[in-house]
Amino acid sequence: MKTALVVGATGATGSALVNALISSDEYRAIHLLSRRTTHWRNRQEIREHILPLSRIGDLTMPYAIDEVYCCLGTTMKTAGSKAAFRAVDYGAVVALGQWAKANGAGQMHVISSKGANAGSRNFYLRTKGEMEQALSALDLPALYLYRPSLLSGERIDYRRKERMGEALMNGLTWLPGSDNWRPVPIDVLAQAMLQRARAHENKGRYRIESAQILRGLKRDSE
């Protein structure tokens, strides 16, 4: 029986992941770090930790965590500024990686983005790329970086532009290589993360590109 920590559980992908973890019956405890209580709080296997993202380093556990899942992510519209966006998508994610390293977590699974590149001129992709670099530098036992294209599915916050992009890309799935950029359903991404954790055997850093997520489990180490 394993233990897991999910940060970002109240978001769409995080919520799907928590439901998948609960359904798997492989976990004796599923810890959730969030800013508010969740609807899972009365479940026997759930342990809630209410902390702001700026205090991730203050999280304490009575025992080692086997798997850490990071489902954090915001938008420029929600964040309100580049600095606020970076505080979440870079600062909080890297702080969680530092916590995982310091507390002996065996695996860390992080949602990044297709096209993440520390050298990109695009602020969003550059931030994601710099986050990946910072996590890689921590030399975690096993780091899984998921790089989905546009995520599709029910979201807590309605994102009009993303819905328009989703409809456009779904209409072009007949093109060669469309798996590289067509939308990734949220529940498919959650299942891919859980599958990777189950199949975990070796230490290292792994990048799981959008097409791999859609095709299912495929282990490609960098």
N, C-alpha and C. Protein backbone atom coordinates (compact mmCIF):
# COMPACT_ATOMS: atom_id res chain seq x y z
N MET A 1 0.84 -1.19 0.00
CA MET A 1 0.00 0.00 0.00
C MET A 1 0.88 1.24 0.00
N LYS A 2 0.56 2.18 -0.90
CA LYS A 2 1.41 3.35 -1.08
C LYS A 2 0.78 4.61 -0.49
N THR A 3 1.59 5.67 -0.45
CA THR A 3 1.10 6.98 -0.05
C THR A 3 1.36 7.96 -1.18
N ALA A 4 0.47 8.92 -1.35
CA ALA A 4 0.60 9.91 -2.41
C ALA A 4 0.27 11.29 -1.87
N LEU A 5 0.89 12.30 -2.47
CA LEU A 5 0.58 13.70 -2.18
C LEU A 5 0.17 14.36 -3.48
N VAL A 6 -0.98 15.00 -3.51
CA VAL A 6 -1.46 15.72 -4.68
C VAL A 6 -1.56 17.19 -4.34
N VAL A 7 -0.91 18.03 -5.14
CA VAL A 7 -1.00 19.47 -4.98
C VAL A 7 -1.70 20.02 -6.22
N GLY A 8 -2.78 20.76 -6.01
CA GLY A 8 -3.60 21.22 -7.12
C GLY A 8 -4.80 20.33 -7.32
N ALA A 9 -5.25 19.68 -6.25
CA ALA A 9 -6.36 18.72 -6.35
C ALA A 9 -7.68 19.36 -6.68
N THR A 10 -7.84 20.65 -6.41
CA THR A 10 -9.13 21.29 -6.66
C THR A 10 -9.30 21.73 -8.11
N GLY A 11 -8.25 21.63 -8.92
CA GLY A 11 -8.37 21.92 -10.35
C GLY A 11 -8.95 20.74 -11.09
N ALA A 12 -9.21 20.92 -12.37
CA ALA A 12 -9.87 19.88 -13.15
C ALA A 12 -9.04 18.60 -13.25
N THR A 13 -7.77 18.72 -13.63
CA THR A 13 -6.93 17.54 -13.76
C THR A 13 -6.62 16.94 -12.40
N GLY A 14 -6.35 17.79 -11.41
CA GLY A 14 -6.08 17.30 -10.06
C GLY A 14 -7.26 16.54 -9.49
N SER A 15 -8.46 17.03 -9.76
CA SER A 15 -9.66 16.35 -9.29
C SER A 15 -9.80 14.98 -9.93
N ALA A 16 -9.56 14.91 -11.24
CA ALA A 16 -9.63 13.63 -11.94
C ALA A 16 -8.58 12.67 -11.42
N LEU A 17 -7.41 13.19 -11.10
CA LEU A 17 -6.34 12.35 -10.58
C LEU A 17 -6.69 11.80 -9.20
N VAL A 18 -7.21 12.64 -8.31
CA VAL A 18 -7.59 12.17 -6.98
C VAL A 18 -8.63 11.07 -7.08
N ASN A 19 -9.62 11.25 -7.94
CA ASN A 19 -10.64 10.20 -8.12
C ASN A 19 -10.02 8.90 -8.62
N ALA A 20 -9.04 9.01 -9.50
CA ALA A 20 -8.35 7.82 -10.02
C ALA A 20 -7.56 7.13 -8.92
N LEU A 21 -6.89 7.91 -8.09
CA LEU A 21 -6.12 7.35 -6.98
C LEU A 21 -7.03 6.63 -5.98
N ILE A 22 -8.16 7.25 -5.68
CA ILE A 22 -9.11 6.64 -4.75
C ILE A 22 -9.64 5.33 -5.30
N SER A 23 -9.91 5.30 -6.59
CA SER A 23 -10.48 4.10 -7.23
C SER A 23 -9.48 2.97 -7.38
N SER A 24 -8.20 3.27 -7.29
CA SER A 24 -7.17 2.25 -7.56
C SER A 24 -6.99 1.27 -6.42
N ASP A 25 -7.43 1.56 -5.22
CA ASP A 25 -7.28 0.76 -3.99
C ASP A 25 -5.84 0.31 -3.72
N GLU A 26 -4.85 1.11 -4.20
CA GLU A 26 -3.44 0.80 -3.95
C GLU A 26 -2.83 1.72 -2.89
N TYR A 27 -3.63 2.66 -2.37
CA TYR A 27 -3.08 3.70 -1.51
C TYR A 27 -3.69 3.65 -0.12
N ARG A 28 -2.83 3.62 0.88
CA ARG A 28 -3.33 3.65 2.25
C ARG A 28 -3.62 5.07 2.69
N ALA A 29 -2.99 6.05 2.04
CA ALA A 29 -3.26 7.45 2.37
C ALA A 29 -3.00 8.31 1.14
N ILE A 30 -3.92 9.23 0.88
CA ILE A 30 -3.78 10.20 -0.20
C ILE A 30 -3.84 11.58 0.43
N HIS A 31 -2.71 12.27 0.43
CA HIS A 31 -2.61 13.59 1.05
C HIS A 31 -2.90 14.67 0.01
N LEU A 32 -3.69 15.65 0.40
CA LEU A 32 -4.03 16.76 -0.48
C LEU A 32 -3.56 18.06 0.15
N LEU A 33 -2.74 18.81 -0.58
CA LEU A 33 -2.34 20.13 -0.10
C LEU A 33 -3.12 21.16 -0.91
N SER A 34 -3.91 21.96 -0.22
CA SER A 34 -4.71 22.97 -0.90
C SER A 34 -4.99 24.13 0.04
N ARG A 35 -5.57 25.17 -0.53
CA ARG A 35 -5.86 26.38 0.25
C ARG A 35 -7.21 26.31 0.96
N ARG A 36 -7.99 25.29 0.63
CA ARG A 36 -9.30 25.15 1.25
C ARG A 36 -9.67 23.67 1.34
N THR A 37 -10.67 23.36 2.16
CA THR A 37 -11.09 21.97 2.30
C THR A 37 -11.74 21.50 1.00
N THR A 38 -11.75 20.21 0.79
CA THR A 38 -12.28 19.63 -0.44
C THR A 38 -13.47 18.72 -0.12
N HIS A 39 -14.17 18.30 -1.17
CA HIS A 39 -15.32 17.42 -0.97
C HIS A 39 -14.91 15.99 -0.65
N TRP A 40 -13.61 15.70 -0.69
CA TRP A 40 -13.14 14.35 -0.31
C TRP A 40 -12.80 14.25 1.18
N ARG A 41 -12.93 15.32 1.93
CA ARG A 41 -12.37 15.39 3.28
C ARG A 41 -12.87 14.29 4.23
N ASN A 42 -14.05 13.75 3.98
CA ASN A 42 -14.60 12.74 4.89
C ASN A 42 -14.24 11.31 4.49
N ARG A 43 -13.51 11.15 3.42
CA ARG A 43 -13.09 9.80 3.01
C ARG A 43 -11.95 9.32 3.91
N GLN A 44 -11.96 8.04 4.22
CA GLN A 44 -11.01 7.48 5.16
C GLN A 44 -9.56 7.63 4.71
N GLU A 45 -9.31 7.49 3.41
CA GLU A 45 -7.92 7.52 2.93
C GLU A 45 -7.38 8.92 2.68
N ILE A 46 -8.24 9.93 2.75
CA ILE A 46 -7.83 11.30 2.44
C ILE A 46 -7.30 12.01 3.69
N ARG A 47 -6.16 12.70 3.50
CA ARG A 47 -5.58 13.54 4.56
C ARG A 47 -5.41 14.94 3.97
N GLU A 48 -6.10 15.91 4.52
CA GLU A 48 -6.02 17.26 3.99
C GLU A 48 -5.00 18.11 4.76
N HIS A 49 -4.29 18.95 4.00
CA HIS A 49 -3.33 19.89 4.58
C HIS A 49 -3.66 21.26 3.98
N ILE A 50 -4.14 22.16 4.79
CA ILE A 50 -4.57 23.47 4.31
C ILE A 50 -3.44 24.47 4.50
N LEU A 51 -2.83 24.84 3.37
CA LEU A 51 -1.71 25.78 3.38
C LEU A 51 -1.74 26.62 2.10
N PRO A 52 -1.31 27.87 2.15
CA PRO A 52 -1.15 28.63 0.91
C PRO A 52 0.05 28.09 0.14
N LEU A 53 0.06 28.28 -1.16
CA LEU A 53 1.15 27.77 -1.98
C LEU A 53 2.50 28.34 -1.57
N SER A 54 2.50 29.54 -1.03
CA SER A 54 3.76 30.17 -0.61
C SER A 54 4.39 29.47 0.59
N ARG A 55 3.67 28.54 1.20
CA ARG A 55 4.19 27.85 2.39
C ARG A 55 4.31 26.35 2.17
N ILE A 56 4.53 25.93 0.95
CA ILE A 56 4.69 24.50 0.68
C ILE A 56 5.80 23.89 1.53
N GLY A 57 6.86 24.64 1.75
CA GLY A 57 7.99 24.14 2.53
C GLY A 57 7.64 23.84 3.97
N ASP A 58 6.51 24.37 4.47
CA ASP A 58 6.10 24.13 5.86
C ASP A 58 5.34 22.82 6.04
N LEU A 59 5.02 22.15 4.95
CA LEU A 59 4.26 20.91 5.04
C LEU A 59 5.07 19.84 5.76
N THR A 60 4.46 19.19 6.74
CA THR A 60 5.12 18.11 7.48
C THR A 60 4.32 16.83 7.34
N MET A 61 5.03 15.71 7.30
CA MET A 61 4.41 14.40 7.17
C MET A 61 4.94 13.47 8.26
N PRO A 62 4.11 12.56 8.74
CA PRO A 62 4.58 11.61 9.76
C PRO A 62 5.41 10.47 9.18
N TYR A 63 5.41 10.36 7.83
CA TYR A 63 6.15 9.30 7.17
C TYR A 63 6.48 9.73 5.75
N ALA A 64 7.34 8.98 5.08
CA ALA A 64 7.76 9.33 3.72
C ALA A 64 6.60 9.15 2.74
N ILE A 65 6.57 9.99 1.71
CA ILE A 65 5.57 9.90 0.65
C ILE A 65 6.17 9.18 -0.54
N ASP A 66 5.44 8.22 -1.08
CA ASP A 66 5.95 7.46 -2.23
C ASP A 66 5.88 8.27 -3.52
N GLU A 67 4.74 8.95 -3.74
CA GLU A 67 4.51 9.64 -5.01
C GLU A 67 3.99 11.05 -4.76
N VAL A 68 4.60 12.01 -5.43
CA VAL A 68 4.15 13.40 -5.36
C VAL A 68 3.62 13.79 -6.73
N TYR A 69 2.41 14.31 -6.76
CA TYR A 69 1.77 14.73 -8.01
C TYR A 69 1.53 16.24 -7.97
N CYS A 70 2.03 16.94 -8.98
CA CYS A 70 1.86 18.39 -9.07
C CYS A 70 0.92 18.71 -10.23
N CYS A 71 -0.27 19.18 -9.89
CA CYS A 71 -1.27 19.55 -10.90
C CYS A 71 -1.52 21.05 -10.86
N LEU A 72 -0.52 21.81 -10.44
CA LEU A 72 -0.65 23.25 -10.36
C LEU A 72 -0.56 23.90 -11.73
N GLY A 73 -1.30 24.96 -11.90
CA GLY A 73 -1.25 25.71 -13.14
C GLY A 73 -2.31 26.79 -13.13
N THR A 74 -1.97 27.95 -13.61
CA THR A 74 -2.93 29.04 -13.67
C THR A 74 -2.90 29.65 -15.07
N THR A 75 -3.61 30.73 -15.27
CA THR A 75 -3.61 31.44 -16.54
C THR A 75 -3.24 32.89 -16.27
N MET A 76 -2.81 33.58 -17.31
CA MET A 76 -2.48 34.99 -17.14
C MET A 76 -3.71 35.78 -16.69
N LYS A 77 -4.88 35.41 -17.21
CA LYS A 77 -6.11 36.11 -16.83
C LYS A 77 -6.40 35.94 -15.35
N THR A 78 -6.26 34.71 -14.86
CA THR A 78 -6.54 34.44 -13.44
C THR A 78 -5.47 35.04 -12.55
N ALA A 79 -4.21 34.91 -12.95
CA ALA A 79 -3.11 35.40 -12.14
C ALA A 79 -3.10 36.93 -12.08
N GLY A 80 -3.37 37.57 -13.20
CA GLY A 80 -3.42 39.02 -13.23
C GLY A 80 -2.14 39.71 -13.63
N SER A 81 -1.02 39.00 -13.58
CA SER A 81 0.27 39.59 -13.97
C SER A 81 1.25 38.46 -14.24
N LYS A 82 2.33 38.79 -14.95
CA LYS A 82 3.36 37.80 -15.21
C LYS A 82 4.02 37.32 -13.92
N ALA A 83 4.23 38.23 -12.99
CA ALA A 83 4.86 37.87 -11.72
C ALA A 83 4.00 36.88 -10.94
N ALA A 84 2.69 37.13 -10.91
CA ALA A 84 1.79 36.24 -10.18
C ALA A 84 1.69 34.88 -10.87
N PHE A 85 1.69 34.90 -12.21
CA PHE A 85 1.67 33.64 -12.96
C PHE A 85 2.91 32.82 -12.66
N ARG A 86 4.06 33.46 -12.70
CA ARG A 86 5.32 32.76 -12.46
C ARG A 86 5.41 32.23 -11.03
N ALA A 87 4.80 32.95 -10.09
CA ALA A 87 4.84 32.50 -8.69
C ALA A 87 4.19 31.14 -8.52
N VAL A 88 3.18 30.85 -9.35
CA VAL A 88 2.50 29.56 -9.28
C VAL A 88 3.20 28.53 -10.17
N ASP A 89 3.30 28.83 -11.47
CA ASP A 89 3.75 27.84 -12.45
C ASP A 89 5.25 27.57 -12.40
N TYR A 90 5.99 28.42 -11.76
CA TYR A 90 7.42 28.16 -11.54
C TYR A 90 7.72 28.05 -10.03
N GLY A 91 7.44 29.12 -9.30
CA GLY A 91 7.82 29.16 -7.89
C GLY A 91 7.23 28.06 -7.05
N ALA A 92 5.91 27.87 -7.09
CA ALA A 92 5.27 26.85 -6.26
C ALA A 92 5.64 25.44 -6.70
N VAL A 93 5.77 25.23 -8.01
CA VAL A 93 6.12 23.90 -8.52
C VAL A 93 7.54 23.51 -8.09
N VAL A 94 8.47 24.44 -8.22
CA VAL A 94 9.86 24.16 -7.83
C VAL A 94 9.95 23.97 -6.31
N ALA A 95 9.21 24.76 -5.56
CA ALA A 95 9.19 24.59 -4.10
C ALA A 95 8.69 23.21 -3.72
N LEU A 96 7.70 22.71 -4.45
CA LEU A 96 7.21 21.36 -4.20
C LEU A 96 8.29 20.32 -4.53
N GLY A 97 9.03 20.56 -5.61
CA GLY A 97 10.12 19.66 -5.95
C GLY A 97 11.19 19.64 -4.86
N GLN A 98 11.49 20.78 -4.32
CA GLN A 98 12.46 20.86 -3.23
C GLN A 98 11.96 20.12 -2.00
N TRP A 99 10.66 20.24 -1.73
CA TRP A 99 10.07 19.51 -0.62
C TRP A 99 10.17 18.00 -0.86
N ALA A 100 9.84 17.57 -2.08
CA ALA A 100 9.90 16.15 -2.41
C ALA A 100 11.31 15.61 -2.23
N LYS A 101 12.30 16.37 -2.66
CA LYS A 101 13.70 15.95 -2.50
C LYS A 101 14.08 15.85 -1.04
N ALA A 102 13.73 16.86 -0.26
CA ALA A 102 14.10 16.90 1.16
C ALA A 102 13.40 15.82 1.97
N ASN A 103 12.22 15.40 1.52
CA ASN A 103 11.44 14.44 2.29
C ASN A 103 11.47 13.02 1.72
N GLY A 104 12.37 12.77 0.80
CA GLY A 104 12.61 11.42 0.33
C GLY A 104 11.53 10.79 -0.52
N ALA A 105 10.77 11.61 -1.26
CA ALA A 105 9.74 11.05 -2.14
C ALA A 105 10.38 10.24 -3.25
N GLY A 106 9.79 9.11 -3.57
CA GLY A 106 10.37 8.24 -4.59
C GLY A 106 10.09 8.69 -6.00
N GLN A 107 8.95 9.31 -6.23
CA GLN A 107 8.56 9.76 -7.57
C GLN A 107 7.93 11.14 -7.49
N MET A 108 8.14 11.95 -8.55
CA MET A 108 7.42 13.21 -8.67
C MET A 108 6.87 13.29 -10.08
N HIS A 109 5.58 13.57 -10.18
CA HIS A 109 4.88 13.68 -11.45
C HIS A 109 4.37 15.11 -11.61
N VAL A 110 4.73 15.76 -12.70
CA VAL A 110 4.44 17.19 -12.87
C VAL A 110 3.80 17.44 -14.23
N ILE A 111 2.71 18.20 -14.25
CA ILE A 111 2.09 18.60 -15.51
C ILE A 111 2.79 19.87 -16.01
N SER A 112 3.40 19.77 -17.19
CA SER A 112 4.06 20.91 -17.82
C SER A 112 3.24 21.31 -19.03
N SER A 113 3.85 21.46 -20.17
CA SER A 113 3.11 21.86 -21.38
C SER A 113 3.86 21.44 -22.63
N LYS A 114 3.11 21.11 -23.66
CA LYS A 114 3.72 20.87 -24.96
C LYS A 114 4.46 22.14 -25.39
N GLY A 115 5.68 21.98 -25.87
CA GLY A 115 6.45 23.12 -26.33
C GLY A 115 7.22 23.85 -25.25
N ALA A 116 7.21 23.34 -24.02
CA ALA A 116 7.95 23.98 -22.94
C ALA A 116 9.42 24.11 -23.33
N ASN A 117 9.96 25.32 -23.19
CA ASN A 117 11.33 25.58 -23.65
C ASN A 117 11.87 26.80 -22.91
N ALA A 118 12.91 26.60 -22.14
CA ALA A 118 13.49 27.70 -21.36
C ALA A 118 14.01 28.83 -22.25
N GLY A 119 14.25 28.56 -23.53
CA GLY A 119 14.75 29.58 -24.44
C GLY A 119 13.68 30.21 -25.31
N SER A 120 12.41 29.87 -25.06
CA SER A 120 11.32 30.38 -25.88
C SER A 120 11.09 31.88 -25.67
N ARG A 121 10.64 32.55 -26.70
CA ARG A 121 10.25 33.95 -26.58
C ARG A 121 8.86 34.09 -25.96
N ASN A 122 8.11 33.00 -25.98
CA ASN A 122 6.78 32.99 -25.39
C ASN A 122 6.90 32.86 -23.87
N PHE A 123 6.32 33.79 -23.14
CA PHE A 123 6.47 33.81 -21.68
C PHE A 123 5.95 32.53 -21.04
N TYR A 124 4.81 32.06 -21.47
CA TYR A 124 4.22 30.84 -20.90
C TYR A 124 5.13 29.63 -21.10
N LEU A 125 5.56 29.41 -22.35
CA LEU A 125 6.41 28.26 -22.65
C LEU A 125 7.78 28.39 -22.00
N ARG A 126 8.29 29.62 -21.93
CA ARG A 126 9.59 29.84 -21.27
C ARG A 126 9.50 29.52 -19.77
N THR A 127 8.43 29.94 -19.13
CA THR A 127 8.24 29.66 -17.71
C THR A 127 8.16 28.16 -17.46
N LYS A 128 7.41 27.46 -18.29
CA LYS A 128 7.31 26.00 -18.16
C LYS A 128 8.66 25.34 -18.37
N GLY A 129 9.41 25.81 -19.37
CA GLY A 129 10.73 25.24 -19.63
C GLY A 129 11.70 25.48 -18.50
N GLU A 130 11.67 26.68 -17.92
CA GLU A 130 12.54 26.98 -16.79
C GLU A 130 12.15 26.16 -15.57
N MET A 131 10.87 25.92 -15.40
CA MET A 131 10.41 25.05 -14.31
C MET A 131 10.96 23.64 -14.49
N GLU A 132 10.88 23.11 -15.71
CA GLU A 132 11.41 21.77 -15.97
C GLU A 132 12.91 21.71 -15.67
N GLN A 133 13.65 22.73 -16.09
CA GLN A 133 15.09 22.76 -15.83
C GLN A 133 15.39 22.77 -14.34
N ALA A 134 14.66 23.59 -13.59
CA ALA A 134 14.90 23.69 -12.15
C ALA A 134 14.60 22.38 -11.45
N LEU A 135 13.53 21.70 -11.84
CA LEU A 135 13.21 20.41 -11.24
C LEU A 135 14.27 19.37 -11.60
N SER A 136 14.72 19.37 -12.84
CA SER A 136 15.73 18.41 -13.27
C SER A 136 17.03 18.59 -12.48
N ALA A 137 17.35 19.83 -12.15
CA ALA A 137 18.58 20.12 -11.41
C ALA A 137 18.54 19.60 -9.99
N LEU A 138 17.34 19.30 -9.47
CA LEU A 138 17.22 18.79 -8.10
C LEU A 138 17.66 17.34 -7.99
N ASP A 139 17.78 16.66 -9.12
CA ASP A 139 18.20 15.25 -9.15
C ASP A 139 17.29 14.39 -8.29
N LEU A 140 16.00 14.50 -8.53
CA LEU A 140 15.03 13.67 -7.83
C LEU A 140 15.19 12.21 -8.26
N PRO A 141 14.84 11.25 -7.40
CA PRO A 141 14.98 9.84 -7.78
C PRO A 141 14.29 9.51 -9.10
N ALA A 142 13.06 9.98 -9.28
CA ALA A 142 12.33 9.76 -10.53
C ALA A 142 11.43 10.97 -10.77
N LEU A 143 11.64 11.62 -11.91
CA LEU A 143 10.87 12.81 -12.26
C LEU A 143 10.15 12.57 -13.58
N TYR A 144 8.83 12.72 -13.57
CA TYR A 144 8.01 12.54 -14.76
C TYR A 144 7.41 13.89 -15.14
N LEU A 145 7.72 14.35 -16.34
CA LEU A 145 7.22 15.63 -16.84
C LEU A 145 6.24 15.37 -17.98
N TYR A 146 4.98 15.72 -17.76
CA TYR A 146 3.92 15.48 -18.74
C TYR A 146 3.72 16.74 -19.56
N ARG A 147 3.76 16.59 -20.90
CA ARG A 147 3.68 17.75 -21.79
C ARG A 147 2.48 17.65 -22.71
N PRO A 148 1.28 17.79 -22.15
CA PRO A 148 0.08 17.69 -22.99
C PRO A 148 -0.11 18.92 -23.86
N SER A 149 -0.82 18.71 -24.96
CA SER A 149 -1.31 19.83 -25.75
C SER A 149 -2.47 20.45 -24.96
N LEU A 150 -3.34 21.14 -25.61
CA LEU A 150 -4.50 21.74 -24.95
C LEU A 150 -5.31 20.67 -24.23
N LEU A 151 -5.65 20.91 -22.98
CA LEU A 151 -6.44 19.96 -22.21
C LEU A 151 -7.92 20.18 -22.47
N SER A 152 -8.65 19.08 -22.63
CA SER A 152 -10.08 19.17 -22.89
C SER A 152 -10.87 18.49 -21.77
N GLY A 153 -12.08 18.94 -21.55
CA GLY A 153 -12.92 18.37 -20.51
C GLY A 153 -13.57 19.47 -19.69
N GLU A 154 -14.38 19.06 -18.73
CA GLU A 154 -15.09 20.03 -17.90
C GLU A 154 -14.12 20.72 -16.96
N ARG A 155 -14.15 22.03 -16.97
CA ARG A 155 -13.29 22.82 -16.10
C ARG A 155 -14.14 23.61 -15.11
N ILE A 156 -13.53 23.89 -13.96
CA ILE A 156 -14.21 24.70 -12.96
C ILE A 156 -14.37 26.13 -13.48
N ASP A 157 -13.34 26.64 -14.16
CA ASP A 157 -13.42 27.97 -14.75
C ASP A 157 -13.56 27.85 -16.26
N TYR A 158 -14.52 28.53 -16.81
CA TYR A 158 -14.77 28.47 -18.26
C TYR A 158 -13.71 29.27 -19.00
N ARG A 159 -13.07 28.63 -19.98
CA ARG A 159 -12.02 29.28 -20.75
C ARG A 159 -12.44 29.28 -22.22
N ARG A 160 -13.00 30.40 -22.65
CA ARG A 160 -13.59 30.49 -23.99
C ARG A 160 -12.57 30.21 -25.09
N LYS A 161 -11.39 30.83 -25.00
CA LYS A 161 -10.38 30.66 -26.05
C LYS A 161 -9.93 29.20 -26.14
N GLU A 162 -9.81 28.54 -24.98
CA GLU A 162 -9.37 27.14 -25.00
C GLU A 162 -10.44 26.26 -25.64
N ARG A 163 -11.72 26.54 -25.37
CA ARG A 163 -12.79 25.78 -25.99
C ARG A 163 -12.78 25.95 -27.51
N MET A 164 -12.52 27.17 -27.98
CA MET A 164 -12.45 27.42 -29.42
C MET A 164 -11.28 26.67 -30.03
N GLY A 165 -10.14 26.68 -29.35
CA GLY A 165 -8.97 25.97 -29.85
C GLY A 165 -9.20 24.47 -29.87
N GLU A 166 -9.88 23.97 -28.84
CA GLU A 166 -10.20 22.55 -28.76
C GLU A 166 -11.07 22.12 -29.93
N ALA A 167 -12.09 22.91 -30.24
CA ALA A 167 -12.98 22.58 -31.35
C ALA A 167 -12.23 22.59 -32.68
N LEU A 168 -11.34 23.56 -32.86
CA LEU A 168 -10.58 23.65 -34.09
C LEU A 168 -9.67 22.44 -34.26
N MET A 169 -8.92 22.09 -33.22
CA MET A 169 -7.97 20.98 -33.34
C MET A 169 -8.67 19.64 -33.47
N ASN A 170 -9.82 19.48 -32.82
CA ASN A 170 -10.56 18.22 -32.96
C ASN A 170 -11.08 18.04 -34.38
N GLY A 171 -11.26 19.15 -35.09
CA GLY A 171 -11.73 19.06 -36.46
C GLY A 171 -10.65 18.73 -37.47
N LEU A 172 -9.40 18.67 -37.00
CA LEU A 172 -8.28 18.41 -37.90
C LEU A 172 -7.55 17.11 -37.56
N THR A 173 -8.23 16.21 -36.86
CA THR A 173 -7.57 14.98 -36.41
C THR A 173 -7.22 14.04 -37.55
N TRP A 174 -7.75 14.31 -38.75
CA TRP A 174 -7.43 13.46 -39.90
C TRP A 174 -6.04 13.75 -40.47
N LEU A 175 -5.43 14.84 -40.07
CA LEU A 175 -4.11 15.20 -40.60
C LEU A 175 -3.02 14.28 -40.03
N PRO A 176 -1.99 13.97 -40.81
CA PRO A 176 -0.87 13.15 -40.31
C PRO A 176 -0.20 13.83 -39.10
N GLY A 177 0.12 13.04 -38.10
CA GLY A 177 0.79 13.58 -36.93
C GLY A 177 -0.09 14.37 -35.99
N SER A 178 -1.41 14.24 -36.15
CA SER A 178 -2.32 15.05 -35.34
C SER A 178 -2.24 14.72 -33.85
N ASP A 179 -1.78 13.51 -33.49
CA ASP A 179 -1.66 13.15 -32.08
C ASP A 179 -0.67 14.04 -31.34
N ASN A 180 0.21 14.71 -32.10
CA ASN A 180 1.21 15.56 -31.46
C ASN A 180 0.61 16.83 -30.89
N TRP A 181 -0.55 17.25 -31.40
CA TRP A 181 -1.09 18.52 -30.94
C TRP A 181 -2.58 18.53 -30.66
N ARG A 182 -3.29 17.42 -30.95
CA ARG A 182 -4.73 17.44 -30.68
C ARG A 182 -5.01 17.42 -29.18
N PRO A 183 -6.17 17.93 -28.75
CA PRO A 183 -6.47 18.05 -27.32
C PRO A 183 -6.36 16.74 -26.55
N VAL A 184 -5.92 16.84 -25.32
CA VAL A 184 -5.79 15.68 -24.43
C VAL A 184 -6.90 15.75 -23.39
N PRO A 185 -7.80 14.77 -23.34
CA PRO A 185 -8.84 14.78 -22.31
C PRO A 185 -8.22 14.74 -20.91
N ILE A 186 -8.81 15.48 -20.02
CA ILE A 186 -8.28 15.58 -18.66
C ILE A 186 -8.19 14.21 -17.98
N ASP A 187 -9.22 13.38 -18.15
CA ASP A 187 -9.20 12.08 -17.49
C ASP A 187 -8.14 11.16 -18.09
N VAL A 188 -7.83 11.35 -19.39
CA VAL A 188 -6.77 10.55 -20.02
C VAL A 188 -5.41 10.92 -19.43
N LEU A 189 -5.17 12.21 -19.21
CA LEU A 189 -3.93 12.64 -18.59
C LEU A 189 -3.82 12.09 -17.17
N ALA A 190 -4.89 12.15 -16.41
CA ALA A 190 -4.87 11.63 -15.04
C ALA A 190 -4.54 10.14 -15.03
N GLN A 191 -5.14 9.38 -15.93
CA GLN A 191 -4.87 7.95 -16.01
C GLN A 191 -3.45 7.67 -16.45
N ALA A 192 -2.91 8.51 -17.35
CA ALA A 192 -1.53 8.34 -17.79
C ALA A 192 -0.56 8.52 -16.63
N MET A 193 -0.84 9.48 -15.76
CA MET A 193 0.01 9.71 -14.59
C MET A 193 -0.03 8.51 -13.66
N LEU A 194 -1.21 8.00 -13.43
CA LEU A 194 -1.35 6.84 -12.55
C LEU A 194 -0.68 5.60 -13.16
N GLN A 195 -0.81 5.43 -14.47
CA GLN A 195 -0.17 4.30 -15.14
C GLN A 195 1.34 4.36 -15.01
N ARG A 196 1.90 5.55 -15.18
CA ARG A 196 3.35 5.71 -15.05
C ARG A 196 3.80 5.34 -13.64
N ALA A 197 3.04 5.78 -12.64
CA ALA A 197 3.40 5.48 -11.26
C ALA A 197 3.37 3.97 -11.01
N ARG A 198 2.38 3.30 -11.55
CA ARG A 198 2.27 1.85 -11.36
C ARG A 198 3.41 1.11 -12.04
N ALA A 199 3.81 1.58 -13.22
CA ALA A 199 4.83 0.89 -14.00
C ALA A 199 6.25 1.29 -13.60
N HIS A 200 6.37 2.21 -12.66
CA HIS A 200 7.67 2.75 -12.29
C HIS A 200 8.63 1.65 -11.86
N GLU A 201 9.81 1.65 -12.45
CA GLU A 201 10.84 0.67 -12.11
C GLU A 201 12.21 1.32 -11.91
N ASN A 202 12.55 2.25 -12.78
CA ASN A 202 13.90 2.80 -12.77
C ASN A 202 13.92 4.26 -12.35
N LYS A 203 15.06 4.66 -11.82
CA LYS A 203 15.25 6.07 -11.51
C LYS A 203 15.56 6.83 -12.80
N GLY A 204 15.35 8.14 -12.78
CA GLY A 204 15.66 8.93 -13.96
C GLY A 204 14.65 10.04 -14.19
N ARG A 205 14.82 10.72 -15.30
CA ARG A 205 13.92 11.80 -15.70
C ARG A 205 13.22 11.40 -16.99
N TYR A 206 11.92 11.58 -17.03
CA TYR A 206 11.12 11.14 -18.17
C TYR A 206 10.24 12.29 -18.67
N ARG A 207 10.25 12.50 -19.95
CA ARG A 207 9.34 13.47 -20.57
C ARG A 207 8.30 12.68 -21.35
N ILE A 208 7.04 12.92 -21.04
CA ILE A 208 5.94 12.23 -21.70
C ILE A 208 5.22 13.24 -22.57
N GLU A 209 5.41 13.14 -23.87
CA GLU A 209 4.84 14.10 -24.79
C GLU A 209 3.36 13.83 -25.03
N SER A 210 2.69 14.79 -25.64
CA SER A 210 1.25 14.73 -25.81
C SER A 210 0.80 13.48 -26.56
N ALA A 211 1.49 13.14 -27.63
CA ALA A 211 1.11 11.96 -28.41
C ALA A 211 1.24 10.69 -27.58
N GLN A 212 2.25 10.61 -26.72
CA GLN A 212 2.43 9.45 -25.86
C GLN A 212 1.30 9.33 -24.85
N ILE A 213 0.84 10.46 -24.33
CA ILE A 213 -0.27 10.44 -23.38
C ILE A 213 -1.51 9.88 -24.06
N LEU A 214 -1.76 10.31 -25.29
CA LEU A 214 -2.93 9.85 -26.03
C LEU A 214 -2.83 8.38 -26.42
N ARG A 215 -1.62 7.92 -26.71
CA ARG A 215 -1.44 6.53 -27.12
C ARG A 215 -1.45 5.56 -25.94
N GLY A 216 -1.25 6.08 -24.74
CA GLY A 216 -1.19 5.21 -23.57
C GLY A 216 0.24 5.06 -23.09
N LEU A 217 0.44 4.10 -22.26
CA LEU A 217 1.73 3.92 -21.59
C LEU A 217 2.83 3.57 -22.57
N LYS A 218 3.92 4.35 -22.50
CA LYS A 218 5.10 4.10 -23.33
C LYS A 218 6.27 4.71 -22.61
N ARG A 219 7.24 3.92 -22.21
CA ARG A 219 8.32 4.39 -21.36
C ARG A 219 9.50 4.82 -22.21
N ASP A 220 9.78 6.11 -22.22
CA ASP A 220 10.92 6.66 -22.97
C ASP A 220 11.72 7.55 -22.05
N SER A 221 12.87 7.07 -21.61
CA SER A 221 13.72 7.90 -20.75
C SER A 221 14.54 8.83 -21.60
N GLU A 222 14.85 10.02 -21.06
CA GLU A 222 15.70 10.96 -21.77
C GLU A 222 17.14 10.45 -21.75
